[in-house]
C-alpha cells in the first residue's frame, strides 16, 4: 500500500517542479487534487485491506498469547495436587510478560502496516 500511495503522491508532487513557473493558485489546486485522490484511494480499498490486516494481526498475537497461557507452568505441585505458591507467582509473571509482549508486538505491527502517508499526511 505504501508503494501505491507513494507513487500517487509523487506523481502529483512532480507537477510542482520548482523549475516550472507555477502560480500559487495552481500550486494549491494541485495539492487539493492530490489530497482528494489520496483520500479516495486510502479511504476505500486500502482502508479495507488495513482492517483485514489488523484482524489477522489480532488473530496471530491472540493465538500466540493463548499458546503461552496453555504452556505448563512447572511440575512442582504440593501434596493436594495444587500448584505451589512459587508456581502460581511464576505463572502470573509469565502471563503478564506474555500479555505485554503480545500487546507491544501487535501495536508495532499495526503501526508499521499503516501507509506512511496516513501517519504523516503532509
N, C-alpha and C. Protein backbone atom coordinates (compact mmCIF):
# COMPACT_ATOMS: atom_id res chain seq x y z
N UNK A 1 0.82 -1.19 0.00
CA UNK A 1 0.00 0.00 0.00
C UNK A 1 0.86 1.25 0.00
N UNK A 2 2.02 1.18 0.69
CA UNK A 2 2.91 2.34 0.67
C UNK A 2 3.38 2.66 -0.75
N UNK A 3 3.65 1.64 -1.54
CA UNK A 3 4.13 1.86 -2.90
C UNK A 3 3.06 2.54 -3.75
N UNK A 4 1.82 2.09 -3.61
CA UNK A 4 0.72 2.67 -4.39
C UNK A 4 0.51 4.13 -4.01
N UNK A 5 0.38 4.36 -2.72
CA UNK A 5 0.11 5.72 -2.24
C UNK A 5 1.31 6.63 -2.50
N UNK A 6 2.50 6.10 -2.31
CA UNK A 6 3.71 6.89 -2.56
C UNK A 6 3.84 7.30 -4.01
N UNK A 7 3.54 6.38 -4.92
CA UNK A 7 3.62 6.69 -6.36
C UNK A 7 2.58 7.74 -6.75
N UNK A 8 1.38 7.60 -6.19
CA UNK A 8 0.34 8.60 -6.49
C UNK A 8 0.76 9.97 -6.00
N UNK A 9 1.25 10.02 -4.78
CA UNK A 9 1.66 11.29 -4.19
C UNK A 9 2.80 11.91 -4.99
N UNK A 10 3.77 11.08 -5.37
CA UNK A 10 4.91 11.59 -6.12
C UNK A 10 4.49 12.13 -7.48
N UNK A 11 3.51 11.50 -8.12
CA UNK A 11 3.09 11.98 -9.43
C UNK A 11 2.46 13.37 -9.34
N UNK A 12 1.73 13.62 -8.27
CA UNK A 12 1.16 14.96 -8.09
C UNK A 12 2.26 15.97 -7.73
N UNK A 13 3.17 15.55 -6.87
CA UNK A 13 4.24 16.47 -6.46
C UNK A 13 5.18 16.79 -7.62
N UNK A 14 5.28 15.88 -8.59
CA UNK A 14 6.11 16.15 -9.78
C UNK A 14 5.54 17.32 -10.57
N UNK A 15 4.24 17.52 -10.47
CA UNK A 15 3.62 18.66 -11.16
C UNK A 15 4.06 19.99 -10.57
N UNK A 16 4.57 19.94 -9.36
CA UNK A 16 5.01 21.16 -8.68
C UNK A 16 6.51 21.38 -8.82
N UNK A 17 7.08 20.90 -9.90
CA UNK A 17 8.51 21.02 -10.14
C UNK A 17 8.91 22.49 -10.02
N UNK A 18 9.94 22.70 -9.25
CA UNK A 18 10.38 24.08 -8.99
C UNK A 18 10.94 24.77 -10.24
N UNK A 19 11.32 24.02 -11.24
CA UNK A 19 11.89 24.62 -12.45
C UNK A 19 10.82 25.22 -13.36
N UNK A 20 9.59 24.82 -13.16
CA UNK A 20 8.49 25.32 -13.98
C UNK A 20 7.81 26.49 -13.24
N UNK A 21 7.51 27.54 -13.96
CA UNK A 21 6.78 28.64 -13.31
C UNK A 21 5.32 28.20 -13.05
N UNK A 22 4.89 28.35 -11.83
CA UNK A 22 3.54 27.94 -11.47
C UNK A 22 3.00 28.95 -10.46
N UNK A 23 1.74 29.31 -10.62
CA UNK A 23 1.15 30.29 -9.73
C UNK A 23 0.78 29.63 -8.40
N UNK A 24 0.59 30.45 -7.41
CA UNK A 24 0.19 29.94 -6.09
C UNK A 24 -1.17 29.25 -6.16
N UNK A 25 -2.08 29.79 -6.95
CA UNK A 25 -3.40 29.16 -7.06
C UNK A 25 -3.30 27.80 -7.74
N UNK A 26 -2.42 27.68 -8.76
CA UNK A 26 -2.21 26.38 -9.39
C UNK A 26 -1.59 25.39 -8.41
N UNK A 27 -0.64 25.86 -7.62
CA UNK A 27 0.01 25.02 -6.62
C UNK A 27 -1.02 24.50 -5.60
N UNK A 28 -1.90 25.37 -5.15
CA UNK A 28 -2.94 24.97 -4.20
C UNK A 28 -3.92 23.99 -4.83
N UNK A 29 -4.24 24.21 -6.12
CA UNK A 29 -5.15 23.31 -6.81
C UNK A 29 -4.54 21.90 -6.91
N UNK A 30 -3.26 21.82 -7.27
CA UNK A 30 -2.59 20.52 -7.38
C UNK A 30 -2.57 19.83 -6.01
N UNK A 31 -2.27 20.57 -4.95
CA UNK A 31 -2.25 19.99 -3.61
C UNK A 31 -3.64 19.49 -3.20
N UNK A 32 -4.66 20.25 -3.55
CA UNK A 32 -6.03 19.83 -3.22
C UNK A 32 -6.42 18.58 -4.00
N UNK A 33 -6.04 18.53 -5.29
CA UNK A 33 -6.33 17.35 -6.10
C UNK A 33 -5.57 16.12 -5.58
N UNK A 34 -4.34 16.33 -5.17
CA UNK A 34 -3.53 15.24 -4.60
C UNK A 34 -4.20 14.68 -3.36
N UNK A 35 -4.59 15.57 -2.48
CA UNK A 35 -5.22 15.13 -1.23
C UNK A 35 -6.54 14.40 -1.50
N UNK A 36 -7.33 14.93 -2.42
CA UNK A 36 -8.61 14.30 -2.75
C UNK A 36 -8.40 12.90 -3.34
N UNK A 37 -7.44 12.76 -4.24
CA UNK A 37 -7.16 11.45 -4.86
C UNK A 37 -6.64 10.46 -3.81
N UNK A 38 -5.76 10.93 -2.94
CA UNK A 38 -5.22 10.05 -1.90
C UNK A 38 -6.31 9.63 -0.92
N UNK A 39 -7.18 10.55 -0.54
CA UNK A 39 -8.28 10.21 0.36
C UNK A 39 -9.20 9.17 -0.27
N UNK A 40 -9.44 9.30 -1.57
CA UNK A 40 -10.30 8.34 -2.27
C UNK A 40 -9.68 6.94 -2.25
N UNK A 41 -8.41 6.85 -2.59
CA UNK A 41 -7.74 5.55 -2.65
C UNK A 41 -7.57 4.95 -1.25
N UNK A 42 -7.08 5.76 -0.34
CA UNK A 42 -6.84 5.27 1.03
C UNK A 42 -8.16 4.98 1.73
N UNK A 43 -9.17 5.79 1.48
CA UNK A 43 -10.44 5.64 2.17
C UNK A 43 -11.28 4.46 1.71
N UNK A 44 -10.93 3.86 0.60
CA UNK A 44 -11.73 2.73 0.11
C UNK A 44 -10.92 1.43 0.22
N UNK A 45 -10.20 1.09 -0.82
CA UNK A 45 -9.51 -0.18 -0.88
C UNK A 45 -8.45 -0.39 0.19
N UNK A 46 -7.60 0.59 0.38
CA UNK A 46 -6.52 0.43 1.35
C UNK A 46 -7.08 0.37 2.77
N UNK A 47 -8.12 1.13 3.03
CA UNK A 47 -8.77 1.10 4.35
C UNK A 47 -9.29 -0.31 4.64
N UNK A 48 -9.92 -0.93 3.67
CA UNK A 48 -10.44 -2.29 3.82
C UNK A 48 -9.30 -3.28 4.05
N UNK A 49 -8.25 -3.17 3.26
CA UNK A 49 -7.09 -4.05 3.43
C UNK A 49 -6.45 -3.87 4.81
N UNK A 50 -6.37 -2.64 5.27
CA UNK A 50 -5.78 -2.36 6.57
C UNK A 50 -6.58 -3.05 7.68
N UNK A 51 -7.90 -2.98 7.60
CA UNK A 51 -8.73 -3.63 8.62
C UNK A 51 -8.62 -5.16 8.56
N UNK A 52 -8.52 -5.72 7.37
CA UNK A 52 -8.28 -7.16 7.25
C UNK A 52 -6.94 -7.54 7.86
N UNK A 53 -5.94 -6.70 7.61
CA UNK A 53 -4.61 -6.95 8.16
C UNK A 53 -4.63 -6.86 9.68
N UNK A 54 -5.32 -5.87 10.22
CA UNK A 54 -5.43 -5.75 11.68
C UNK A 54 -6.09 -6.98 12.29
N UNK A 55 -7.13 -7.50 11.63
CA UNK A 55 -7.78 -8.71 12.13
C UNK A 55 -6.81 -9.89 12.12
N UNK A 56 -6.01 -9.99 11.08
CA UNK A 56 -5.01 -11.06 11.02
C UNK A 56 -3.97 -10.90 12.12
N UNK A 57 -3.56 -9.68 12.38
CA UNK A 57 -2.61 -9.43 13.47
C UNK A 57 -3.22 -9.79 14.83
N UNK A 58 -4.50 -9.44 15.03
CA UNK A 58 -5.17 -9.80 16.29
C UNK A 58 -5.19 -11.31 16.46
N UNK A 59 -5.54 -12.01 15.37
CA UNK A 59 -5.57 -13.47 15.42
C UNK A 59 -4.20 -14.05 15.72
N UNK A 60 -3.18 -13.52 15.06
CA UNK A 60 -1.81 -14.02 15.25
C UNK A 60 -1.34 -13.83 16.70
N UNK A 61 -1.44 -12.60 17.18
CA UNK A 61 -0.95 -12.34 18.53
C UNK A 61 -1.85 -12.96 19.60
N UNK A 62 -3.13 -13.08 19.32
CA UNK A 62 -4.03 -13.76 20.24
C UNK A 62 -3.71 -15.23 20.34
N UNK A 63 -3.43 -15.85 19.21
CA UNK A 63 -3.06 -17.27 19.19
C UNK A 63 -1.74 -17.47 19.94
N UNK A 64 -0.79 -16.61 19.70
CA UNK A 64 0.49 -16.69 20.40
C UNK A 64 0.30 -16.58 21.91
N UNK A 65 -0.53 -15.64 22.34
CA UNK A 65 -0.80 -15.45 23.77
C UNK A 65 -1.49 -16.68 24.36
N UNK A 66 -2.44 -17.26 23.62
CA UNK A 66 -3.11 -18.48 24.09
C UNK A 66 -2.12 -19.63 24.26
N UNK A 67 -1.15 -19.72 23.35
CA UNK A 67 -0.14 -20.76 23.49
C UNK A 67 0.65 -20.58 24.78
N UNK A 68 0.97 -19.35 25.12
CA UNK A 68 1.69 -19.08 26.37
C UNK A 68 0.81 -19.47 27.56
N UNK A 69 -0.48 -19.14 27.50
CA UNK A 69 -1.38 -19.47 28.60
C UNK A 69 -1.53 -20.98 28.76
N UNK A 70 -1.48 -21.71 27.65
CA UNK A 70 -1.65 -23.16 27.69
C UNK A 70 -0.38 -23.91 28.05
N UNK A 71 0.75 -23.20 28.06
CA UNK A 71 2.01 -23.89 28.35
C UNK A 71 2.06 -24.27 29.83
N UNK A 72 2.74 -25.39 30.15
CA UNK A 72 2.82 -25.81 31.55
C UNK A 72 3.64 -24.81 32.37
N UNK A 73 3.23 -24.62 33.60
CA UNK A 73 3.90 -23.65 34.47
C UNK A 73 4.90 -24.33 35.39
N UNK A 74 5.11 -25.60 35.22
CA UNK A 74 6.05 -26.32 36.07
C UNK A 74 5.39 -27.52 36.69
N UNK A 75 6.19 -28.42 37.20
CA UNK A 75 5.69 -29.67 37.76
C UNK A 75 5.77 -29.70 39.27
N UNK A 76 6.03 -28.61 39.91
CA UNK A 76 6.21 -28.57 41.36
C UNK A 76 4.85 -28.38 42.04
N UNK A 77 4.13 -29.49 42.30
CA UNK A 77 2.82 -29.44 42.93
C UNK A 77 2.94 -29.90 44.37
N UNK A 78 2.07 -29.38 45.24
CA UNK A 78 2.07 -29.84 46.62
C UNK A 78 1.30 -31.15 46.74
N UNK A 79 1.13 -31.65 47.92
CA UNK A 79 0.52 -32.97 48.12
C UNK A 79 -0.95 -32.99 47.72
N UNK A 80 -1.61 -31.86 47.69
CA UNK A 80 -3.02 -31.79 47.30
C UNK A 80 -3.21 -31.75 45.78
N UNK A 81 -2.10 -31.68 45.05
CA UNK A 81 -2.19 -31.60 43.59
C UNK A 81 -2.33 -30.18 43.09
N UNK A 82 -2.29 -29.21 43.99
CA UNK A 82 -2.39 -27.80 43.59
C UNK A 82 -1.00 -27.25 43.30
N UNK A 83 -0.96 -26.26 42.46
CA UNK A 83 0.31 -25.61 42.17
C UNK A 83 0.81 -24.90 43.42
N UNK A 84 2.11 -24.93 43.62
CA UNK A 84 2.68 -24.27 44.79
C UNK A 84 2.60 -22.76 44.61
N UNK A 85 2.84 -22.04 45.69
CA UNK A 85 2.84 -20.57 45.65
C UNK A 85 3.84 -20.06 44.64
N UNK A 86 5.01 -20.70 44.62
CA UNK A 86 6.06 -20.27 43.69
C UNK A 86 5.58 -20.44 42.24
N UNK A 87 4.93 -21.58 41.95
CA UNK A 87 4.42 -21.82 40.60
C UNK A 87 3.33 -20.82 40.23
N UNK A 88 2.47 -20.50 41.18
CA UNK A 88 1.41 -19.53 40.91
C UNK A 88 2.00 -18.16 40.60
N UNK A 89 3.01 -17.78 41.38
CA UNK A 89 3.66 -16.48 41.15
C UNK A 89 4.38 -16.47 39.79
N UNK A 90 5.10 -17.57 39.50
CA UNK A 90 5.80 -17.68 38.22
C UNK A 90 4.82 -17.63 37.05
N UNK A 91 3.70 -18.33 37.20
CA UNK A 91 2.68 -18.32 36.15
C UNK A 91 2.10 -16.94 35.94
N UNK A 92 1.86 -16.22 37.03
CA UNK A 92 1.31 -14.86 36.92
C UNK A 92 2.30 -13.95 36.20
N UNK A 93 3.58 -14.04 36.56
CA UNK A 93 4.60 -13.23 35.90
C UNK A 93 4.72 -13.59 34.43
N UNK A 94 4.62 -14.89 34.13
CA UNK A 94 4.71 -15.35 32.75
C UNK A 94 3.53 -14.81 31.93
N UNK A 95 2.33 -14.83 32.49
CA UNK A 95 1.16 -14.30 31.78
C UNK A 95 1.26 -12.79 31.58
N UNK A 96 1.75 -12.07 32.61
CA UNK A 96 1.90 -10.62 32.48
C UNK A 96 2.91 -10.27 31.39
N UNK A 97 4.03 -11.00 31.39
CA UNK A 97 5.06 -10.75 30.38
C UNK A 97 4.53 -11.07 28.98
N UNK A 98 3.82 -12.18 28.86
CA UNK A 98 3.26 -12.57 27.56
C UNK A 98 2.22 -11.55 27.08
N UNK A 99 1.39 -11.07 27.99
CA UNK A 99 0.39 -10.06 27.62
C UNK A 99 1.06 -8.79 27.13
N UNK A 100 2.10 -8.38 27.84
CA UNK A 100 2.83 -7.16 27.45
C UNK A 100 3.50 -7.36 26.08
N UNK A 101 4.12 -8.53 25.87
CA UNK A 101 4.78 -8.78 24.59
C UNK A 101 3.77 -8.87 23.44
N UNK A 102 2.63 -9.48 23.69
CA UNK A 102 1.60 -9.58 22.66
C UNK A 102 1.07 -8.19 22.29
N UNK A 103 0.83 -7.38 23.30
CA UNK A 103 0.33 -6.02 23.05
C UNK A 103 1.36 -5.19 22.30
N UNK A 104 2.63 -5.24 22.74
CA UNK A 104 3.68 -4.47 22.08
C UNK A 104 3.90 -4.95 20.65
N UNK A 105 3.88 -6.26 20.46
CA UNK A 105 4.05 -6.80 19.11
C UNK A 105 2.93 -6.40 18.19
N UNK A 106 1.70 -6.45 18.70
CA UNK A 106 0.54 -6.05 17.90
C UNK A 106 0.63 -4.58 17.53
N UNK A 107 0.92 -3.73 18.52
CA UNK A 107 0.98 -2.29 18.26
C UNK A 107 2.06 -1.96 17.24
N UNK A 108 3.23 -2.56 17.39
CA UNK A 108 4.33 -2.30 16.46
C UNK A 108 3.95 -2.74 15.05
N UNK A 109 3.38 -3.92 14.93
CA UNK A 109 2.99 -4.43 13.61
C UNK A 109 1.85 -3.60 13.01
N UNK A 110 0.89 -3.19 13.84
CA UNK A 110 -0.24 -2.40 13.35
C UNK A 110 0.22 -1.03 12.84
N UNK A 111 1.05 -0.35 13.63
CA UNK A 111 1.53 0.97 13.18
C UNK A 111 2.46 0.83 11.98
N UNK A 112 3.23 -0.26 11.93
CA UNK A 112 4.12 -0.48 10.81
C UNK A 112 3.38 -0.77 9.51
N UNK A 113 2.17 -1.29 9.62
CA UNK A 113 1.41 -1.63 8.41
C UNK A 113 0.60 -0.46 7.88
N UNK A 114 0.55 0.61 8.63
CA UNK A 114 -0.19 1.79 8.20
C UNK A 114 0.63 2.54 7.14
N UNK A 115 0.03 2.87 6.01
CA UNK A 115 0.78 3.63 5.00
C UNK A 115 1.38 4.90 5.60
N UNK A 116 2.62 5.18 5.24
CA UNK A 116 3.33 6.32 5.84
C UNK A 116 2.62 7.64 5.58
N UNK A 117 1.97 7.75 4.44
CA UNK A 117 1.24 8.99 4.13
C UNK A 117 0.09 9.21 5.10
N UNK A 118 -0.46 8.13 5.63
CA UNK A 118 -1.55 8.23 6.61
C UNK A 118 -1.01 8.61 7.99
N UNK A 119 0.23 8.23 8.25
CA UNK A 119 0.84 8.59 9.52
C UNK A 119 1.22 10.06 9.54
N UNK A 120 1.70 10.55 8.41
CA UNK A 120 2.13 11.94 8.28
C UNK A 120 1.61 12.49 6.96
N UNK A 121 0.34 12.96 6.93
CA UNK A 121 -0.29 13.36 5.66
C UNK A 121 0.43 14.45 4.89
N UNK A 122 1.09 15.34 5.55
CA UNK A 122 1.75 16.42 4.83
C UNK A 122 3.15 15.98 4.52
